Amino acid sequence: MRVVNFVLAILFLVFAFVQVNDPDPLLWILIYGAMAVLAILAMFKIYPFKIILALLVIYIGYSAVFLEGVKEWWQQPDKTALFDDVAKMQYPYVEAAREFLGLMICVIVLVIYAIQSRYKAV
């Protein structure tokens, strides 16, 4: 798991770094930066359950903001617009769907860390 958590830490740091050009960079740098810190802590088998739980609630709550955009993207016949740099300027739902998916990656990792913290406590 140490290698997986190292890869996750690097991945979340890269995610945070590429947010510099985002319309709301500070928010996303904090979101992915917090995940990088948790991945580094997990490398040493440190799972702060209350922080993990708090971030889980915050990220799930914040992801609700993007549900309308995800719904609109899902209804499109061409799903590949999600990966097109020009499409995000043409269709606002593309950015919403991307941000939602980024949060869902965080949520999945947080759920895994929450489970690991419970096993460590036993």
N, C-alpha and C. Protein backbone atom coordinates (compact mmCIF):
# COMPACT_ATOMS: atom_id res chain seq x y z
N MET A 1 0.82 -1.21 0.00
CA MET A 1 0.00 0.00 0.00
C MET A 1 0.86 1.27 0.00
N ARG A 2 2.07 1.14 0.50
CA ARG A 2 2.92 2.32 0.56
C ARG A 2 3.18 2.90 -0.84
N VAL A 3 3.40 2.03 -1.81
CA VAL A 3 3.65 2.47 -3.18
C VAL A 3 2.38 3.10 -3.77
N VAL A 4 1.24 2.49 -3.52
CA VAL A 4 -0.04 3.03 -4.01
C VAL A 4 -0.27 4.42 -3.44
N ASN A 5 -0.03 4.58 -2.15
CA ASN A 5 -0.22 5.89 -1.52
C ASN A 5 0.79 6.91 -2.03
N PHE A 6 2.00 6.47 -2.33
CA PHE A 6 2.99 7.37 -2.92
C PHE A 6 2.51 7.85 -4.30
N VAL A 7 2.02 6.92 -5.10
CA VAL A 7 1.50 7.27 -6.43
C VAL A 7 0.31 8.22 -6.30
N LEU A 8 -0.57 7.95 -5.34
CA LEU A 8 -1.72 8.84 -5.11
C LEU A 8 -1.25 10.23 -4.69
N ALA A 9 -0.25 10.30 -3.83
CA ALA A 9 0.26 11.60 -3.39
C ALA A 9 0.79 12.39 -4.58
N ILE A 10 1.58 11.73 -5.43
CA ILE A 10 2.11 12.40 -6.62
C ILE A 10 0.97 12.82 -7.54
N LEU A 11 0.01 11.94 -7.74
CA LEU A 11 -1.13 12.23 -8.61
C LEU A 11 -1.90 13.45 -8.11
N PHE A 12 -2.20 13.49 -6.81
CA PHE A 12 -2.95 14.62 -6.27
C PHE A 12 -2.12 15.91 -6.30
N LEU A 13 -0.81 15.81 -6.14
CA LEU A 13 0.03 17.01 -6.26
C LEU A 13 0.01 17.53 -7.70
N VAL A 14 0.04 16.63 -8.67
CA VAL A 14 -0.05 17.04 -10.08
C VAL A 14 -1.41 17.67 -10.33
N PHE A 15 -2.48 17.04 -9.81
CA PHE A 15 -3.82 17.62 -9.96
C PHE A 15 -3.85 19.04 -9.39
N ALA A 16 -3.25 19.23 -8.22
CA ALA A 16 -3.23 20.55 -7.60
C ALA A 16 -2.44 21.54 -8.46
N PHE A 17 -1.32 21.09 -8.99
CA PHE A 17 -0.47 21.96 -9.79
C PHE A 17 -1.18 22.44 -11.06
N VAL A 18 -1.91 21.56 -11.74
CA VAL A 18 -2.55 21.97 -12.99
C VAL A 18 -3.77 22.86 -12.76
N GLN A 19 -4.16 23.04 -11.51
CA GLN A 19 -5.30 23.92 -11.21
C GLN A 19 -4.91 25.40 -11.22
N VAL A 20 -3.65 25.68 -11.37
CA VAL A 20 -3.17 27.06 -11.34
C VAL A 20 -3.90 27.93 -12.37
N ASN A 21 -4.22 27.36 -13.54
CA ASN A 21 -4.90 28.11 -14.59
C ASN A 21 -6.41 28.01 -14.52
N ASP A 22 -6.94 27.39 -13.49
CA ASP A 22 -8.38 27.22 -13.34
C ASP A 22 -9.02 28.54 -12.92
N PRO A 23 -10.31 28.74 -13.22
CA PRO A 23 -10.98 29.98 -12.78
C PRO A 23 -11.01 30.14 -11.24
N ASP A 24 -11.02 29.02 -10.53
CA ASP A 24 -11.01 29.07 -9.06
C ASP A 24 -9.87 28.20 -8.52
N PRO A 25 -8.62 28.64 -8.75
CA PRO A 25 -7.47 27.78 -8.45
C PRO A 25 -7.29 27.46 -6.97
N LEU A 26 -7.49 28.45 -6.10
CA LEU A 26 -7.22 28.23 -4.68
C LEU A 26 -8.07 27.09 -4.11
N LEU A 27 -9.34 27.08 -4.45
CA LEU A 27 -10.24 26.04 -3.96
C LEU A 27 -9.76 24.65 -4.37
N TRP A 28 -9.43 24.49 -5.64
CA TRP A 28 -9.04 23.18 -6.15
C TRP A 28 -7.64 22.78 -5.70
N ILE A 29 -6.76 23.74 -5.54
CA ILE A 29 -5.44 23.42 -5.00
C ILE A 29 -5.59 22.92 -3.57
N LEU A 30 -6.49 23.54 -2.80
CA LEU A 30 -6.74 23.07 -1.43
C LEU A 30 -7.38 21.67 -1.42
N ILE A 31 -8.32 21.44 -2.30
CA ILE A 31 -8.98 20.12 -2.37
C ILE A 31 -7.96 19.03 -2.67
N TYR A 32 -7.20 19.21 -3.74
CA TYR A 32 -6.23 18.18 -4.10
C TYR A 32 -5.01 18.17 -3.18
N GLY A 33 -4.65 19.33 -2.65
CA GLY A 33 -3.55 19.39 -1.69
C GLY A 33 -3.86 18.62 -0.42
N ALA A 34 -5.09 18.74 0.07
CA ALA A 34 -5.50 17.98 1.25
C ALA A 34 -5.43 16.48 0.98
N MET A 35 -5.81 16.09 -0.23
CA MET A 35 -5.75 14.67 -0.59
C MET A 35 -4.30 14.20 -0.66
N ALA A 36 -3.41 15.03 -1.16
CA ALA A 36 -1.99 14.67 -1.22
C ALA A 36 -1.43 14.48 0.19
N VAL A 37 -1.80 15.37 1.10
CA VAL A 37 -1.35 15.25 2.49
C VAL A 37 -1.85 13.94 3.10
N LEU A 38 -3.12 13.62 2.88
CA LEU A 38 -3.67 12.37 3.42
C LEU A 38 -2.97 11.15 2.82
N ALA A 39 -2.64 11.21 1.54
CA ALA A 39 -1.94 10.10 0.90
C ALA A 39 -0.54 9.93 1.50
N ILE A 40 0.12 11.04 1.79
CA ILE A 40 1.44 10.97 2.42
C ILE A 40 1.32 10.38 3.83
N LEU A 41 0.31 10.83 4.58
CA LEU A 41 0.09 10.26 5.91
C LEU A 41 -0.21 8.77 5.82
N ALA A 42 -0.99 8.38 4.83
CA ALA A 42 -1.35 6.96 4.66
C ALA A 42 -0.11 6.11 4.35
N MET A 43 0.89 6.71 3.72
CA MET A 43 2.13 5.98 3.47
C MET A 43 2.74 5.49 4.78
N PHE A 44 2.51 6.25 5.85
CA PHE A 44 3.04 5.90 7.17
C PHE A 44 1.96 5.31 8.08
N LYS A 45 0.86 4.87 7.45
CA LYS A 45 -0.26 4.23 8.15
C LYS A 45 -0.89 5.14 9.21
N ILE A 46 -0.94 6.41 8.87
CA ILE A 46 -1.62 7.41 9.73
C ILE A 46 -2.90 7.80 9.01
N TYR A 47 -4.03 7.51 9.65
CA TYR A 47 -5.34 7.79 9.07
C TYR A 47 -6.17 8.63 10.04
N PRO A 48 -6.09 9.95 9.94
CA PRO A 48 -6.88 10.80 10.87
C PRO A 48 -8.37 10.73 10.51
N PHE A 49 -9.09 9.84 11.20
CA PHE A 49 -10.47 9.52 10.84
C PHE A 49 -11.38 10.74 10.82
N LYS A 50 -11.27 11.61 11.80
CA LYS A 50 -12.16 12.78 11.85
C LYS A 50 -11.93 13.71 10.66
N ILE A 51 -10.70 13.87 10.27
CA ILE A 51 -10.39 14.71 9.10
C ILE A 51 -10.88 14.03 7.83
N ILE A 52 -10.66 12.74 7.73
CA ILE A 52 -11.13 11.98 6.56
C ILE A 52 -12.64 12.11 6.45
N LEU A 53 -13.33 11.92 7.57
CA LEU A 53 -14.79 12.00 7.57
C LEU A 53 -15.28 13.41 7.21
N ALA A 54 -14.62 14.42 7.76
CA ALA A 54 -15.00 15.81 7.46
C ALA A 54 -14.83 16.11 5.97
N LEU A 55 -13.69 15.70 5.41
CA LEU A 55 -13.46 15.95 3.98
C LEU A 55 -14.44 15.16 3.13
N LEU A 56 -14.77 13.97 3.56
CA LEU A 56 -15.75 13.16 2.83
C LEU A 56 -17.10 13.87 2.76
N VAL A 57 -17.55 14.41 3.87
CA VAL A 57 -18.82 15.14 3.90
C VAL A 57 -18.74 16.39 3.04
N ILE A 58 -17.65 17.13 3.15
CA ILE A 58 -17.48 18.37 2.38
C ILE A 58 -17.44 18.08 0.88
N TYR A 59 -16.66 17.09 0.49
CA TYR A 59 -16.51 16.79 -0.94
C TYR A 59 -17.80 16.26 -1.54
N ILE A 60 -18.51 15.41 -0.81
CA ILE A 60 -19.79 14.91 -1.32
C ILE A 60 -20.79 16.06 -1.41
N GLY A 61 -20.82 16.91 -0.39
CA GLY A 61 -21.72 18.06 -0.42
C GLY A 61 -21.40 19.00 -1.57
N TYR A 62 -20.12 19.27 -1.77
CA TYR A 62 -19.72 20.19 -2.85
C TYR A 62 -19.99 19.57 -4.22
N SER A 63 -19.88 18.26 -4.34
CA SER A 63 -20.12 17.62 -5.63
C SER A 63 -21.57 17.79 -6.08
N ALA A 64 -22.48 17.99 -5.14
CA ALA A 64 -23.89 18.20 -5.49
C ALA A 64 -24.07 19.45 -6.36
N VAL A 65 -23.19 20.42 -6.20
CA VAL A 65 -23.24 21.65 -7.00
C VAL A 65 -23.11 21.34 -8.49
N PHE A 66 -22.42 20.27 -8.82
CA PHE A 66 -22.11 19.95 -10.21
C PHE A 66 -23.05 18.91 -10.82
N LEU A 67 -24.03 18.45 -10.08
CA LEU A 67 -24.91 17.38 -10.57
C LEU A 67 -25.68 17.78 -11.83
N GLU A 68 -26.13 19.00 -11.91
CA GLU A 68 -26.87 19.44 -13.11
C GLU A 68 -25.98 19.37 -14.35
N GLY A 69 -24.73 19.80 -14.22
CA GLY A 69 -23.80 19.72 -15.34
C GLY A 69 -23.48 18.29 -15.73
N VAL A 70 -23.36 17.41 -14.73
CA VAL A 70 -23.11 16.00 -15.01
C VAL A 70 -24.30 15.39 -15.74
N LYS A 71 -25.50 15.75 -15.29
CA LYS A 71 -26.72 15.25 -15.93
C LYS A 71 -26.77 15.69 -17.40
N GLU A 72 -26.43 16.96 -17.63
CA GLU A 72 -26.44 17.49 -19.00
C GLU A 72 -25.39 16.79 -19.86
N TRP A 73 -24.19 16.57 -19.30
CA TRP A 73 -23.14 15.85 -20.03
C TRP A 73 -23.59 14.43 -20.35
N TRP A 74 -24.21 13.77 -19.38
CA TRP A 74 -24.64 12.39 -19.56
C TRP A 74 -25.68 12.26 -20.67
N GLN A 75 -26.45 13.30 -20.88
CA GLN A 75 -27.50 13.26 -21.91
C GLN A 75 -26.97 13.55 -23.31
N GLN A 76 -25.72 13.95 -23.43
CA GLN A 76 -25.13 14.26 -24.73
C GLN A 76 -24.77 12.99 -25.47
N PRO A 77 -24.97 12.97 -26.78
CA PRO A 77 -24.60 11.77 -27.54
C PRO A 77 -23.08 11.55 -27.61
N ASP A 78 -22.31 12.66 -27.57
CA ASP A 78 -20.85 12.55 -27.66
C ASP A 78 -20.25 12.79 -26.28
N LYS A 79 -19.89 11.74 -25.59
CA LYS A 79 -19.32 11.84 -24.24
C LYS A 79 -17.84 12.26 -24.26
N THR A 80 -17.22 12.23 -25.44
CA THR A 80 -15.79 12.54 -25.52
C THR A 80 -15.49 14.02 -25.31
N ALA A 81 -16.49 14.86 -25.30
CA ALA A 81 -16.27 16.30 -25.07
C ALA A 81 -15.61 16.53 -23.72
N LEU A 82 -15.76 15.59 -22.81
CA LEU A 82 -15.15 15.70 -21.48
C LEU A 82 -13.63 15.80 -21.57
N PHE A 83 -13.06 15.24 -22.62
CA PHE A 83 -11.61 15.19 -22.76
C PHE A 83 -11.07 16.17 -23.81
N ASP A 84 -11.93 17.06 -24.28
CA ASP A 84 -11.57 18.03 -25.31
C ASP A 84 -11.36 19.40 -24.66
N ASP A 85 -10.18 19.98 -24.84
CA ASP A 85 -9.88 21.28 -24.23
C ASP A 85 -10.76 22.40 -24.75
N VAL A 86 -11.13 22.35 -26.02
CA VAL A 86 -11.95 23.40 -26.61
C VAL A 86 -13.40 23.29 -26.13
N ALA A 87 -13.87 22.08 -25.88
CA ALA A 87 -15.27 21.85 -25.49
C ALA A 87 -15.62 22.53 -24.17
N LYS A 88 -14.65 22.65 -23.26
CA LYS A 88 -14.97 23.26 -21.97
C LYS A 88 -15.34 24.74 -22.12
N MET A 89 -14.87 25.36 -23.19
CA MET A 89 -15.25 26.74 -23.45
C MET A 89 -16.59 26.83 -24.17
N GLN A 90 -16.91 25.80 -24.94
CA GLN A 90 -18.16 25.79 -25.70
C GLN A 90 -19.35 25.33 -24.85
N TYR A 91 -19.10 24.40 -23.97
CA TYR A 91 -20.19 23.80 -23.20
C TYR A 91 -19.87 23.86 -21.71
N PRO A 92 -20.60 24.65 -20.95
CA PRO A 92 -20.32 24.79 -19.50
C PRO A 92 -20.44 23.47 -18.74
N TYR A 93 -21.24 22.55 -19.22
CA TYR A 93 -21.42 21.30 -18.50
C TYR A 93 -20.15 20.46 -18.49
N VAL A 94 -19.24 20.68 -19.43
CA VAL A 94 -18.00 19.91 -19.48
C VAL A 94 -17.16 20.20 -18.24
N GLU A 95 -17.02 21.46 -17.90
CA GLU A 95 -16.24 21.82 -16.71
C GLU A 95 -16.90 21.28 -15.44
N ALA A 96 -18.21 21.35 -15.37
CA ALA A 96 -18.93 20.82 -14.20
C ALA A 96 -18.72 19.31 -14.08
N ALA A 97 -18.80 18.61 -15.19
CA ALA A 97 -18.61 17.15 -15.17
C ALA A 97 -17.18 16.80 -14.77
N ARG A 98 -16.21 17.56 -15.25
CA ARG A 98 -14.81 17.31 -14.87
C ARG A 98 -14.60 17.54 -13.38
N GLU A 99 -15.14 18.61 -12.87
CA GLU A 99 -14.96 18.90 -11.45
C GLU A 99 -15.66 17.85 -10.59
N PHE A 100 -16.83 17.41 -11.02
CA PHE A 100 -17.54 16.35 -10.31
C PHE A 100 -16.70 15.07 -10.28
N LEU A 101 -16.15 14.69 -11.43
CA LEU A 101 -15.35 13.48 -11.49
C LEU A 101 -14.09 13.59 -10.62
N GLY A 102 -13.49 14.76 -10.59
CA GLY A 102 -12.34 14.97 -9.71
C GLY A 102 -12.71 14.78 -8.25
N LEU A 103 -13.85 15.30 -7.88
CA LEU A 103 -14.32 15.12 -6.50
C LEU A 103 -14.65 13.65 -6.21
N MET A 104 -15.17 12.94 -7.19
CA MET A 104 -15.50 11.53 -6.98
C MET A 104 -14.23 10.68 -6.81
N ILE A 105 -13.16 11.05 -7.50
CA ILE A 105 -11.88 10.38 -7.27
C ILE A 105 -11.46 10.59 -5.82
N CYS A 106 -11.59 11.82 -5.35
CA CYS A 106 -11.25 12.12 -3.95
C CYS A 106 -12.14 11.33 -2.99
N VAL A 107 -13.42 11.27 -3.27
CA VAL A 107 -14.36 10.56 -2.40
C VAL A 107 -14.01 9.08 -2.32
N ILE A 108 -13.69 8.47 -3.45
CA ILE A 108 -13.33 7.04 -3.45
C ILE A 108 -12.10 6.80 -2.57
N VAL A 109 -11.08 7.64 -2.73
CA VAL A 109 -9.87 7.50 -1.93
C VAL A 109 -10.19 7.73 -0.44
N LEU A 110 -11.01 8.72 -0.15
CA LEU A 110 -11.38 8.99 1.24
C LEU A 110 -12.14 7.82 1.87
N VAL A 111 -13.02 7.19 1.11
CA VAL A 111 -13.75 6.03 1.62
C VAL A 111 -12.76 4.90 1.95
N ILE A 112 -11.80 4.68 1.06
CA ILE A 112 -10.79 3.64 1.31
C ILE A 112 -9.99 3.98 2.57
N TYR A 113 -9.61 5.24 2.73
CA TYR A 113 -8.86 5.64 3.92
C TYR A 113 -9.72 5.52 5.18
N ALA A 114 -10.99 5.82 5.09
CA ALA A 114 -11.88 5.69 6.24
C ALA A 114 -11.98 4.22 6.66
N ILE A 115 -12.09 3.34 5.69
CA ILE A 115 -12.14 1.90 5.99
C ILE A 115 -10.82 1.45 6.62
N GLN A 116 -9.72 1.89 6.04
CA GLN A 116 -8.41 1.52 6.59
C GLN A 116 -8.23 2.05 8.01
N SER A 117 -8.74 3.24 8.27
CA SER A 117 -8.60 3.79 9.62
C SER A 117 -9.39 2.97 10.64
N ARG A 118 -10.52 2.44 10.23
CA ARG A 118 -11.34 1.60 11.12
C ARG A 118 -10.65 0.28 11.38
N TYR A 119 -9.99 -0.31 10.36
CA TYR A 119 -9.27 -1.57 10.56
C TYR A 119 -8.05 -1.37 11.45
N LYS A 120 -7.41 -0.21 11.29
CA LYS A 120 -6.23 0.08 12.11
C LYS A 120 -6.60 0.24 13.57
N ALA A 121 -7.81 0.78 13.81
CA ALA A 121 -8.27 1.02 15.18
C ALA A 121 -8.61 -0.29 15.89
N VAL A 122 -8.93 -1.33 15.12
CA VAL A 122 -9.34 -2.61 15.73
C VAL A 122 -8.16 -3.42 16.17
